[in-house]
Structures are given as structure tokens and as C-alpha cells.
Amino acid sequence: MPKNKSHKGLLKRVKITKSGKIKFKPPRSRHLKSNKTGLQVQSYRKSRHARSGDMGAFEKLLFRGLRSQEQHEADDAKAAGETTAATETKAAPKAKRAAKAKA
């Protein structure tokens, strides 16, 4: 069986961090900036992280497991002992149902 080769075009445009996140520079940030606002140009200077919706495609192109920015933030919140807004909203209906059942 042949070896899997990672997508070289994607590897030239992204950096994979140690924790498995993908960093990249935003598109349309290289030239032709005279017709863009100052805020747009400022936002182009920052690196971005790939979101969870794109991770499946990136994993297939690179033949390795990756983590999205959302997954990384959720793990940090769990490690710090904090609850995220998503878990609070899921727990709220269950608590309401339990209160109704008791009443």
C-alpha cells in the first residue's frame, strides 16, 4: 500500500502548532490595500486559527488528527474548572424539567 502524502499547497499556506491547531494568514491581505479601510488592513495583520467546520477537510488533506480553536478553548475551560456557555444552556432545560417533576 502506498504512503499517504500530505497536501503540499496547504502546508505552504498554514502552520500546524504543537497542540494541533492550524494557524494561517487571512486571504486578500497581501496587496491592493489602498481601496480597503484602515480597520480591514489592521485585521489582516493578525494570524487566525482554523475553525471546527474546516477541520474535517484539513485532516483529510494532511492525513493527521487536528484540533480546532473551539476544541482547544473548551479543553482549557475544563482544565480551569469553568463551565462554558454551551454546557450552561444544555443544563438549564434539564434543571427546569427536574423542578417541574418535583412540583
C-alpha atoms as a PDB file:
ATOM      1  CA  MET A   1       0.000   0.000   0.000  1.00  0.00           C
ATOM      2  CA  PRO A   2       1.456   3.419  -0.939  1.00  0.00           C
ATOM      3  CA  LYS A   3       2.316   6.099   1.586  1.00  0.00           C
ATOM      4  CA  ASN A   4      -0.122   8.940   2.183  1.00  0.00           C
ATOM      5  CA  LYS A   5       1.269  12.266   1.022  1.00  0.00           C
ATOM      6  CA  SER A   6       0.147  15.465   2.707  1.00  0.00           C
ATOM      7  CA  HIS A   7      -1.154  18.292   0.524  1.00  0.00           C
ATOM      8  CA  LYS A   8       1.881  20.473  -0.200  1.00  0.00           C
ATOM      9  CA  GLY A   9      -0.167  23.500  -1.277  1.00  0.00           C
ATOM     10  CA  LEU A  10      -1.945  23.545   2.087  1.00  0.00           C
ATOM     11  CA  LEU A  11       1.291  23.047   4.019  1.00  0.00           C
ATOM     12  CA  LYS A  12       2.781  26.128   2.328  1.00  0.00           C
ATOM     13  CA  ARG A  13      -0.129  28.281   3.496  1.00  0.00           C
ATOM     14  CA  VAL A  14      -0.628  27.093   7.078  1.00  0.00           C
ATOM     15  CA  LYS A  15       1.372  26.362  10.211  1.00  0.00           C
ATOM     16  CA  ILE A  16       0.397  23.469  12.452  1.00  0.00           C
ATOM     17  CA  THR A  17       1.066  24.241  16.095  1.00  0.00           C
ATOM     18  CA  LYS A  18       2.292  21.748  18.668  1.00  0.00           C
ATOM     19  CA  SER A  19      -1.219  21.311  20.068  1.00  0.00           C
ATOM     20  CA  GLY A  20      -2.609  20.527  16.598  1.00  0.00           C
ATOM     21  CA  LYS A  21      -4.237  23.855  15.781  1.00  0.00           C
ATOM     22  CA  ILE A  22      -3.873  25.383  12.312  1.00  0.00           C
ATOM     23  CA  LYS A  23      -2.667  28.982  12.045  1.00  0.00           C
ATOM     24  CA  PHE A  24      -2.913  30.932   8.803  1.00  0.00           C
ATOM     25  CA  LYS A  25      -2.838  34.461   7.457  1.00  0.00           C
ATOM     26  CA  PRO A  26      -6.158  35.739   6.115  1.00  0.00           C
ATOM     27  CA  PRO A  27      -6.726  35.928   2.360  1.00  0.00           C
ATOM     28  CA  ARG A  28      -6.751  39.240   0.471  1.00  0.00           C
ATOM     29  CA  SER A  29      -4.072  40.666   2.776  1.00  0.00           C
ATOM     30  CA  ARG A  30      -1.029  40.748   0.504  1.00  0.00           C
ATOM     31  CA  HIS A  31      -1.521  43.722  -1.831  1.00  0.00           C
ATOM     32  CA  LEU A  32      -4.118  46.168  -3.247  1.00  0.00           C
ATOM     33  CA  LYS A  33      -4.736  47.685   0.173  1.00  0.00           C
ATOM     34  CA  SER A  34      -5.429  51.235  -0.981  1.00  0.00           C
ATOM     35  CA  ASN A  35      -9.135  50.546  -1.505  1.00  0.00           C
ATOM     36  CA  LYS A  36      -9.527  48.870   1.917  1.00  0.00           C
ATOM     37  CA  THR A  37     -10.307  50.642   5.174  1.00  0.00           C
ATOM     38  CA  GLY A  38      -7.722  51.013   7.905  1.00  0.00           C
ATOM     39  CA  LEU A  39      -9.575  48.571  10.148  1.00  0.00           C
ATOM     40  CA  GLN A  40      -9.552  45.942   7.415  1.00  0.00           C
ATOM     41  CA  VAL A  41      -5.814  46.358   6.898  1.00  0.00           C
ATOM     42  CA  GLN A  42      -5.204  46.127  10.666  1.00  0.00           C
ATOM     43  CA  SER A  43      -7.223  42.930  10.926  1.00  0.00           C
ATOM     44  CA  TYR A  44      -5.188  41.358   8.116  1.00  0.00           C
ATOM     45  CA  ARG A  45      -2.021  41.619  10.238  1.00  0.00           C
ATOM     46  CA  LYS A  46      -3.241  39.062  12.765  1.00  0.00           C
ATOM     47  CA  SER A  47      -2.914  35.347  12.287  1.00  0.00           C
ATOM     48  CA  ARG A  48      -6.087  33.326  12.534  1.00  0.00           C
ATOM     49  CA  HIS A  49      -6.892  29.802  13.650  1.00  0.00           C
ATOM     50  CA  ALA A  50      -8.947  27.389  11.598  1.00  0.00           C
ATOM     51  CA  ARG A  51     -12.466  26.736  12.883  1.00  0.00           C
ATOM     52  CA  SER A  52     -14.134  23.402  13.504  1.00  0.00           C
ATOM     53  CA  GLY A  53     -16.099  23.393  10.237  1.00  0.00           C
ATOM     54  CA  ASP A  54     -12.895  23.250   8.195  1.00  0.00           C
ATOM     55  CA  MET A  55     -11.071  20.673  10.300  1.00  0.00           C
ATOM     56  CA  GLY A  56     -12.518  17.630   8.545  1.00  0.00           C
ATOM     57  CA  ALA A  57     -11.232  18.771   5.173  1.00  0.00           C
ATOM     58  CA  PHE A  58      -7.821  19.699   6.612  1.00  0.00           C
ATOM     59  CA  GLU A  59      -7.480  16.319   8.333  1.00  0.00           C
ATOM     60  CA  LYS A  60      -8.187  14.526   5.053  1.00  0.00           C
ATOM     61  CA  LEU A  61      -5.669  16.648   3.135  1.00  0.00           C
ATOM     62  CA  LEU A  62      -2.921  16.300   5.742  1.00  0.00           C
ATOM     63  CA  PHE A  63      -3.596  12.714   6.913  1.00  0.00           C
ATOM     64  CA  ARG A  64      -3.349  13.557  10.608  1.00  0.00           C
ATOM     65  CA  GLY A  65      -5.586  14.486  13.514  1.00  0.00           C
ATOM     66  CA  LEU A  66      -6.070  18.172  14.239  1.00  0.00           C
ATOM     67  CA  ARG A  67      -7.856  20.334  16.802  1.00  0.00           C
ATOM     68  CA  SER A  68      -9.955  23.419  16.150  1.00  0.00           C
ATOM     69  CA  GLN A  69      -9.771  26.653  18.116  1.00  0.00           C
ATOM     70  CA  GLU A  70     -13.126  25.824  19.736  1.00  0.00           C
ATOM     71  CA  GLN A  71     -11.875  22.421  20.916  1.00  0.00           C
ATOM     72  CA  HIS A  72      -8.757  23.992  22.366  1.00  0.00           C
ATOM     73  CA  GLU A  73     -10.734  26.662  24.249  1.00  0.00           C
ATOM     74  CA  ALA A  74     -13.158  24.048  25.588  1.00  0.00           C
ATOM     75  CA  ASP A  75     -10.267  21.944  26.899  1.00  0.00           C
ATOM     76  CA  ASP A  76      -8.736  24.991  28.572  1.00  0.00           C
ATOM     77  CA  ALA A  77     -12.066  25.783  30.224  1.00  0.00           C
ATOM     78  CA  LYS A  78     -12.391  22.203  31.507  1.00  0.00           C
ATOM     79  CA  ALA A  79      -8.867  22.299  32.885  1.00  0.00           C
ATOM     80  CA  ALA A  80      -9.592  25.573  34.670  1.00  0.00           C
ATOM     81  CA  GLY A  81     -12.801  24.137  36.131  1.00  0.00           C
ATOM     82  CA  GLU A  82     -15.016  26.640  34.362  1.00  0.00           C
ATOM     83  CA  THR A  83     -18.267  25.825  32.599  1.00  0.00           C
ATOM     84  CA  THR A  84     -18.790  27.103  29.109  1.00  0.00           C
ATOM     85  CA  ALA A  85     -21.930  28.847  27.924  1.00  0.00           C
ATOM     86  CA  ALA A  86     -22.846  25.806  25.856  1.00  0.00           C
ATOM     87  CA  THR A  87     -22.883  23.496  28.860  1.00  0.00           C
ATOM     88  CA  GLU A  88     -24.876  26.020  30.884  1.00  0.00           C
ATOM     89  CA  THR A  89     -27.568  26.245  28.226  1.00  0.00           C
ATOM     90  CA  LYS A  90     -27.789  22.464  27.972  1.00  0.00           C
ATOM     91  CA  ALA A  91     -28.038  22.055  31.745  1.00  0.00           C
ATOM     92  CA  ALA A  92     -30.712  24.729  32.190  1.00  0.00           C
ATOM     93  CA  PRO A  93     -33.577  22.829  30.477  1.00  0.00           C
ATOM     94  CA  LYS A  94     -32.754  19.678  32.456  1.00  0.00           C
ATOM     95  CA  ALA A  95     -32.902  21.620  35.722  1.00  0.00           C
ATOM     96  CA  LYS A  96     -36.245  23.131  34.736  1.00  0.00           C
ATOM     97  CA  ARG A  97     -37.663  19.708  33.921  1.00  0.00           C
ATOM     98  CA  ALA A  98     -36.426  18.309  37.216  1.00  0.00           C
ATOM     99  CA  ALA A  99     -38.009  21.208  39.114  1.00  0.00           C
ATOM    100  CA  LYS A 100     -41.335  20.657  37.316  1.00  0.00           C
ATOM    101  CA  ALA A 101     -41.233  16.935  38.082  1.00  0.00           C
ATOM    102  CA  LYS A 102     -40.722  17.617  41.800  1.00  0.00           C
ATOM    103  CA  ALA A 103     -43.575  20.148  41.911  1.00  0.00           C
END
